Structure formats: structure tokens, C-alpha cells
Amino acid sequence: LAERMNKTMYVLSIVAAIFLPLGLITGL
């Protein structure tokens, strides 16, 4: 269960890392 949760959090972190600069640009 911990491994499954870590994988889920890892995917969410990657998605957030990709969309963070995009969100900054669209916000500006």
C-alpha cells in the first residue's frame, strides 16, 4: 500500500512539476 501510494504521489508530483511553469505563464 505504501509503494502504491508513493507511485501515485510520484506521478502527481511529475504532473505538478510540468504544469507549474505553464500555470505561471498563463497567470501572467
PDB file of all heavy atoms in Angstrom:
ATOM      1  N   LEU A   1       0.829  -1.207   0.000  1.00  0.00           N
ATOM      2  CA  LEU A   1       0.000   0.000   0.000  1.00  0.00           C
ATOM      3  C   LEU A   1       0.862   1.255   0.000  1.00  0.00           C
ATOM      4  O   LEU A   1       0.548   2.234  -0.699  1.00  0.00           O
ATOM      5  CB  LEU A   1      -0.923  -0.007   1.226  1.00  0.00           C
ATOM      6  CG  LEU A   1      -2.019  -1.078   1.248  1.00  0.00           C
ATOM      7  CD1 LEU A   1      -2.790  -1.025   2.559  1.00  0.00           C
ATOM      8  CD2 LEU A   1      -2.976  -0.902   0.071  1.00  0.00           C
ATOM      9  N   ALA A   2       1.964   1.235   0.768  1.00  0.00           N
ATOM     10  CA  ALA A   2       2.861   2.392   0.793  1.00  0.00           C
ATOM     11  C   ALA A   2       3.526   2.589  -0.569  1.00  0.00           C
ATOM     12  O   ALA A   2       3.675   3.723  -1.051  1.00  0.00           O
ATOM     13  CB  ALA A   2       3.921   2.210   1.878  1.00  0.00           C
ATOM     14  N   GLU A   3       3.913   1.466  -1.201  1.00  0.00           N
ATOM     15  CA  GLU A   3       4.524   1.558  -2.522  1.00  0.00           C
ATOM     16  C   GLU A   3       3.537   2.118  -3.548  1.00  0.00           C
ATOM     17  O   GLU A   3       3.891   2.962  -4.381  1.00  0.00           O
ATOM     18  CB  GLU A   3       5.014   0.179  -2.947  1.00  0.00           C
ATOM     19  CG  GLU A   3       5.728   0.160  -4.288  1.00  0.00           C
ATOM     20  CD  GLU A   3       6.211  -1.228  -4.667  1.00  0.00           C
ATOM     21  OE1 GLU A   3       6.018  -2.157  -3.860  1.00  0.00           O
ATOM     22  OE2 GLU A   3       6.758  -1.372  -5.776  1.00  0.00           O
ATOM     23  N   ARG A   4       2.280   1.641  -3.455  1.00  0.00           N
ATOM     24  CA  ARG A   4       1.268   2.145  -4.371  1.00  0.00           C
ATOM     25  C   ARG A   4       1.025   3.637  -4.149  1.00  0.00           C
ATOM     26  O   ARG A   4       0.888   4.418  -5.096  1.00  0.00           O
ATOM     27  CB  ARG A   4      -0.025   1.368  -4.183  1.00  0.00           C
ATOM     28  CG  ARG A   4      -1.120   1.742  -5.167  1.00  0.00           C
ATOM     29  CD  ARG A   4      -2.394   0.953  -4.891  1.00  0.00           C
ATOM     30  NE  ARG A   4      -2.160  -0.476  -5.001  1.00  0.00           N
ATOM     31  CZ  ARG A   4      -3.103  -1.392  -4.767  1.00  0.00           C
ATOM     32  NH1 ARG A   4      -4.314  -1.001  -4.380  1.00  0.00           N
ATOM     33  NH2 ARG A   4      -2.825  -2.675  -4.903  1.00  0.00           N
ATOM     34  N   MET A   5       0.993   4.044  -2.892  1.00  0.00           N
ATOM     35  CA  MET A   5       0.784   5.455  -2.585  1.00  0.00           C
ATOM     36  C   MET A   5       1.959   6.294  -3.061  1.00  0.00           C
ATOM     37  O   MET A   5       1.783   7.399  -3.597  1.00  0.00           O
ATOM     38  CB  MET A   5       0.588   5.628  -1.081  1.00  0.00           C
ATOM     39  CG  MET A   5       0.320   7.074  -0.648  1.00  0.00           C
ATOM     40  SD  MET A   5      -1.215   7.725  -1.343  1.00  0.00           S
ATOM     41  CE  MET A   5      -2.408   6.718  -0.446  1.00  0.00           C
ATOM     42  N   ASN A   6       3.188   5.768  -2.893  1.00  0.00           N
ATOM     43  CA  ASN A   6       4.363   6.505  -3.347  1.00  0.00           C
ATOM     44  C   ASN A   6       4.355   6.690  -4.863  1.00  0.00           C
ATOM     45  O   ASN A   6       4.722   7.752  -5.373  1.00  0.00           O
ATOM     46  CB  ASN A   6       5.631   5.762  -2.916  1.00  0.00           C
ATOM     47  CG  ASN A   6       5.859   5.836  -1.420  1.00  0.00           C
ATOM     48  OD1 ASN A   6       5.364   6.753  -0.754  1.00  0.00           O
ATOM     49  ND2 ASN A   6       6.602   4.883  -0.889  1.00  0.00           N
ATOM     50  N   LYS A   7       3.936   5.656  -5.586  1.00  0.00           N
ATOM     51  CA  LYS A   7       3.853   5.778  -7.046  1.00  0.00           C
ATOM     52  C   LYS A   7       2.828   6.829  -7.450  1.00  0.00           C
ATOM     53  O   LYS A   7       3.060   7.626  -8.375  1.00  0.00           O
ATOM     54  CB  LYS A   7       3.504   4.427  -7.664  1.00  0.00           C
ATOM     55  CG  LYS A   7       4.625   3.404  -7.611  1.00  0.00           C
ATOM     56  CD  LYS A   7       4.213   2.108  -8.285  1.00  0.00           C
ATOM     57  CE  LYS A   7       5.344   1.100  -8.273  1.00  0.00           C
ATOM     58  NZ  LYS A   7       4.954  -0.185  -8.919  1.00  0.00           N
ATOM     59  N   THR A   8       1.700   6.822  -6.751  1.00  0.00           N
ATOM     60  CA  THR A   8       0.661   7.815  -7.056  1.00  0.00           C
ATOM     61  C   THR A   8       1.163   9.229  -6.785  1.00  0.00           C
ATOM     62  O   THR A   8       0.969  10.147  -7.612  1.00  0.00           O
ATOM     63  CB  THR A   8      -0.595   7.534  -6.214  1.00  0.00           C
ATOM     64  OG1 THR A   8      -1.054   6.209  -6.488  1.00  0.00           O
ATOM     65  CG2 THR A   8      -1.698   8.530  -6.546  1.00  0.00           C
ATOM     66  N   MET A   9       1.806   9.400  -5.625  1.00  0.00           N
ATOM     67  CA  MET A   9       2.329  10.727  -5.296  1.00  0.00           C
ATOM     68  C   MET A   9       3.434  11.140  -6.268  1.00  0.00           C
ATOM     69  O   MET A   9       3.570  12.325  -6.602  1.00  0.00           O
ATOM     70  CB  MET A   9       2.864  10.729  -3.865  1.00  0.00           C
ATOM     71  CG  MET A   9       1.792  10.497  -2.802  1.00  0.00           C
ATOM     72  SD  MET A   9       0.466  11.739  -2.880  1.00  0.00           S
ATOM     73  CE  MET A   9       1.385  13.227  -2.529  1.00  0.00           C
ATOM     74  N   TYR A  10       4.227  10.168  -6.731  1.00  0.00           N
ATOM     75  CA  TYR A  10       5.284  10.473  -7.688  1.00  0.00           C
ATOM     76  C   TYR A  10       4.705  10.988  -9.007  1.00  0.00           C
ATOM     77  O   TYR A  10       5.178  11.987  -9.567  1.00  0.00           O
ATOM     78  CB  TYR A  10       6.108   9.218  -7.921  1.00  0.00           C
ATOM     79  CG  TYR A  10       7.191   9.361  -8.954  1.00  0.00           C
ATOM     80  CD1 TYR A  10       8.350  10.075  -8.689  1.00  0.00           C
ATOM     81  CD2 TYR A  10       7.058   8.783 -10.216  1.00  0.00           C
ATOM     82  CE1 TYR A  10       9.341  10.218  -9.644  1.00  0.00           C
ATOM     83  CE2 TYR A  10       8.043   8.907 -11.171  1.00  0.00           C
ATOM     84  CZ  TYR A  10       9.184   9.625 -10.877  1.00  0.00           C
ATOM     85  OH  TYR A  10      10.160   9.763 -11.827  1.00  0.00           O
ATOM     86  N   VAL A  11       3.659  10.309  -9.503  1.00  0.00           N
ATOM     87  CA  VAL A  11       3.021  10.749 -10.745  1.00  0.00           C
ATOM     88  C   VAL A  11       2.425  12.146 -10.577  1.00  0.00           C
ATOM     89  O   VAL A  11       2.574  13.020 -11.450  1.00  0.00           O
ATOM     90  CB  VAL A  11       1.933   9.741 -11.170  1.00  0.00           C
ATOM     91  CG1 VAL A  11       1.127  10.283 -12.351  1.00  0.00           C
ATOM     92  CG2 VAL A  11       2.566   8.406 -11.539  1.00  0.00           C
ATOM     93  N   LEU A  12       1.758  12.369  -9.452  1.00  0.00           N
ATOM     94  CA  LEU A  12       1.173  13.680  -9.209  1.00  0.00           C
ATOM     95  C   LEU A  12       2.256  14.759  -9.121  1.00  0.00           C
ATOM     96  O   LEU A  12       2.060  15.898  -9.581  1.00  0.00           O
ATOM     97  CB  LEU A  12       0.348  13.654  -7.924  1.00  0.00           C
ATOM     98  CG  LEU A  12      -0.931  12.807  -7.959  1.00  0.00           C
ATOM     99  CD1 LEU A  12      -1.615  12.814  -6.593  1.00  0.00           C
ATOM    100  CD2 LEU A  12      -1.902  13.322  -9.025  1.00  0.00           C
ATOM    101  N   SER A  13       3.393  14.415  -8.540  1.00  0.00           N
ATOM    102  CA  SER A  13       4.486  15.386  -8.434  1.00  0.00           C
ATOM    103  C   SER A  13       5.035  15.740  -9.807  1.00  0.00           C
ATOM    104  O   SER A  13       5.336  16.911 -10.094  1.00  0.00           O
ATOM    105  CB  SER A  13       5.602  14.822  -7.551  1.00  0.00           C
ATOM    106  OG  SER A  13       5.124  14.584  -6.237  1.00  0.00           O
ATOM    107  N   ILE A  14       5.182  14.728 -10.686  1.00  0.00           N
ATOM    108  CA  ILE A  14       5.667  14.982 -12.046  1.00  0.00           C
ATOM    109  C   ILE A  14       4.691  15.880 -12.804  1.00  0.00           C
ATOM    110  O   ILE A  14       5.075  16.840 -13.495  1.00  0.00           O
ATOM    111  CB  ILE A  14       5.893  13.659 -12.796  1.00  0.00           C
ATOM    112  CG1 ILE A  14       7.034  12.864 -12.149  1.00  0.00           C
ATOM    113  CG2 ILE A  14       6.171  13.914 -14.266  1.00  0.00           C
ATOM    114  CD1 ILE A  14       8.368  13.569 -12.231  1.00  0.00           C
ATOM    115  N   VAL A  15       3.382  15.552 -12.690  1.00  0.00           N
ATOM    116  CA  VAL A  15       2.375  16.377 -13.361  1.00  0.00           C
ATOM    117  C   VAL A  15       2.423  17.805 -12.844  1.00  0.00           C
ATOM    118  O   VAL A  15       2.355  18.785 -13.619  1.00  0.00           O
ATOM    119  CB  VAL A  15       0.979  15.759 -13.159  1.00  0.00           C
ATOM    120  CG1 VAL A  15      -0.105  16.702 -13.678  1.00  0.00           C
ATOM    121  CG2 VAL A  15       0.891  14.418 -13.872  1.00  0.00           C
ATOM    122  N   ALA A  16       2.544  17.960 -11.527  1.00  0.00           N
ATOM    123  CA  ALA A  16       2.605  19.309 -10.948  1.00  0.00           C
ATOM    124  C   ALA A  16       3.859  20.045 -11.422  1.00  0.00           C
ATOM    125  O   ALA A  16       3.810  21.254 -11.698  1.00  0.00           O
ATOM    126  CB  ALA A  16       2.585  19.215  -9.426  1.00  0.00           C
ATOM    127  N   ALA A  17       5.009  19.320 -11.518  1.00  0.00           N
ATOM    128  CA  ALA A  17       6.242  19.957 -11.970  1.00  0.00           C
ATOM    129  C   ALA A  17       6.141  20.430 -13.410  1.00  0.00           C
ATOM    130  O   ALA A  17       6.715  21.468 -13.784  1.00  0.00           O
ATOM    131  CB  ALA A  17       7.405  18.977 -11.810  1.00  0.00           C
ATOM    132  N   ILE A  18       5.417  19.686 -14.244  1.00  0.00           N
ATOM    133  CA  ILE A  18       5.257  20.082 -15.645  1.00  0.00           C
ATOM    134  C   ILE A  18       4.324  21.278 -15.772  1.00  0.00           C
ATOM    135  O   ILE A  18       4.597  22.247 -16.516  1.00  0.00           O
ATOM    136  CB  ILE A  18       4.749  18.897 -16.477  1.00  0.00           C
ATOM    137  CG1 ILE A  18       5.839  17.814 -16.580  1.00  0.00           C
ATOM    138  CG2 ILE A  18       4.310  19.346 -17.872  1.00  0.00           C
ATOM    139  CD1 ILE A  18       5.388  16.555 -17.302  1.00  0.00           C
ATOM    140  N   PHE A  19       3.228  21.266 -15.029  1.00  0.00           N
ATOM    141  CA  PHE A  19       2.225  22.311 -15.183  1.00  0.00           C
ATOM    142  C   PHE A  19       2.500  23.559 -14.341  1.00  0.00           C
ATOM    143  O   PHE A  19       1.838  24.581 -14.536  1.00  0.00           O
ATOM    144  CB  PHE A  19       0.836  21.761 -14.833  1.00  0.00           C
ATOM    145  CG  PHE A  19       0.238  20.949 -15.936  1.00  0.00           C
ATOM    146  CD1 PHE A  19       0.424  19.581 -16.012  1.00  0.00           C
ATOM    147  CD2 PHE A  19      -0.499  21.580 -16.943  1.00  0.00           C
ATOM    148  CE1 PHE A  19      -0.129  18.847 -17.027  1.00  0.00           C
ATOM    149  CE2 PHE A  19      -1.053  20.838 -17.978  1.00  0.00           C
ATOM    150  CZ  PHE A  19      -0.873  19.460 -18.033  1.00  0.00           C
ATOM    151  N   LEU A  20       3.466  23.498 -13.434  1.00  0.00           N
ATOM    152  CA  LEU A  20       3.759  24.677 -12.624  1.00  0.00           C
ATOM    153  C   LEU A  20       4.249  25.859 -13.471  1.00  0.00           C
ATOM    154  O   LEU A  20       3.693  26.970 -13.371  1.00  0.00           O
ATOM    155  CB  LEU A  20       4.784  24.316 -11.547  1.00  0.00           C
ATOM    156  CG  LEU A  20       5.140  25.444 -10.575  1.00  0.00           C
ATOM    157  CD1 LEU A  20       3.898  25.904  -9.812  1.00  0.00           C
ATOM    158  CD2 LEU A  20       6.229  24.995  -9.602  1.00  0.00           C
ATOM    159  N   PRO A  21       5.275  25.675 -14.344  1.00  0.00           N
ATOM    160  CA  PRO A  21       5.673  26.827 -15.192  1.00  0.00           C
ATOM    161  C   PRO A  21       4.582  27.232 -16.183  1.00  0.00           C
ATOM    162  O   PRO A  21       4.455  28.418 -16.516  1.00  0.00           O
ATOM    163  CB  PRO A  21       6.930  26.316 -15.892  1.00  0.00           C
ATOM    164  CG  PRO A  21       6.851  24.837 -15.837  1.00  0.00           C
ATOM    165  CD  PRO A  21       6.158  24.518 -14.564  1.00  0.00           C
ATOM    166  N   LEU A  22       3.815  26.241 -16.680  1.00  0.00           N
ATOM    167  CA  LEU A  22       2.732  26.588 -17.603  1.00  0.00           C
ATOM    168  C   LEU A  22       1.695  27.442 -16.894  1.00  0.00           C
ATOM    169  O   LEU A  22       1.146  28.407 -17.459  1.00  0.00           O
ATOM    170  CB  LEU A  22       2.091  25.317 -18.160  1.00  0.00           C
ATOM    171  CG  LEU A  22       3.030  24.326 -18.871  1.00  0.00           C
ATOM    172  CD1 LEU A  22       2.228  23.172 -19.439  1.00  0.00           C
ATOM    173  CD2 LEU A  22       3.813  25.031 -19.973  1.00  0.00           C
ATOM    174  N   GLY A  23       1.390  27.095 -15.655  1.00  0.00           N
ATOM    175  CA  GLY A  23       0.440  27.900 -14.884  1.00  0.00           C
ATOM    176  C   GLY A  23       0.962  29.295 -14.623  1.00  0.00           C
ATOM    177  O   GLY A  23       0.183  30.265 -14.598  1.00  0.00           O
ATOM    178  N   LEU A  24       2.299  29.401 -14.401  1.00  0.00           N
ATOM    179  CA  LEU A  24       2.883  30.727 -14.188  1.00  0.00           C
ATOM    180  C   LEU A  24       2.727  31.597 -15.433  1.00  0.00           C
ATOM    181  O   LEU A  24       2.337  32.769 -15.340  1.00  0.00           O
ATOM    182  CB  LEU A  24       4.362  30.571 -13.835  1.00  0.00           C
ATOM    183  CG  LEU A  24       5.166  31.882 -13.697  1.00  0.00           C
ATOM    184  CD1 LEU A  24       4.597  32.729 -12.568  1.00  0.00           C
ATOM    185  CD2 LEU A  24       6.638  31.581 -13.471  1.00  0.00           C
ATOM    186  N   ILE A  25       2.973  31.005 -16.607  1.00  0.00           N
ATOM    187  CA  ILE A  25       2.867  31.783 -17.850  1.00  0.00           C
ATOM    188  C   ILE A  25       1.428  32.209 -18.097  1.00  0.00           C
ATOM    189  O   ILE A  25       1.154  33.380 -18.416  1.00  0.00           O
ATOM    190  CB  ILE A  25       3.400  30.950 -19.032  1.00  0.00           C
ATOM    191  CG1 ILE A  25       4.907  30.702 -18.854  1.00  0.00           C
ATOM    192  CG2 ILE A  25       3.132  31.660 -20.358  1.00  0.00           C
ATOM    193  CD1 ILE A  25       5.491  29.756 -19.879  1.00  0.00           C
ATOM    194  N   THR A  26       0.491  31.263 -17.970  1.00  0.00           N
ATOM    195  CA  THR A  26      -0.912  31.620 -18.220  1.00  0.00           C
ATOM    196  C   THR A  26      -1.413  32.606 -17.178  1.00  0.00           C
ATOM    197  O   THR A  26      -2.272  33.454 -17.471  1.00  0.00           O
ATOM    198  CB  THR A  26      -1.792  30.358 -18.194  1.00  0.00           C
ATOM    199  OG1 THR A  26      -1.602  29.664 -16.947  1.00  0.00           O
ATOM    200  CG2 THR A  26      -1.427  29.432 -19.341  1.00  0.00           C
ATOM    201  N   GLY A  27      -0.880  32.529 -15.975  1.00  0.00           N
ATOM    202  CA  GLY A  27      -1.268  33.507 -14.961  1.00  0.00           C
ATOM    203  C   GLY A  27      -0.796  34.901 -15.307  1.00  0.00           C
ATOM    204  O   GLY A  27      -1.522  35.889 -15.116  1.00  0.00           O
ATOM    205  N   LEU A  28       0.442  34.996 -15.818  1.00  0.00           N
ATOM    206  CA  LEU A  28       0.954  36.309 -16.234  1.00  0.00           C
ATOM    207  C   LEU A  28       0.157  36.882 -17.400  1.00  0.00           C
ATOM    208  O   LEU A  28      -0.113  38.088 -17.451  1.00  0.00           O
ATOM    209  CB  LEU A  28       2.434  36.190 -16.628  1.00  0.00           C
ATOM    210  CG  LEU A  28       3.426  35.956 -15.476  1.00  0.00           C
ATOM    211  CD1 LEU A  28       4.834  35.715 -16.021  1.00  0.00           C
ATOM    212  CD2 LEU A  28       3.424  37.161 -14.530  1.00  0.00           C
TER     213      LEU A  28
END
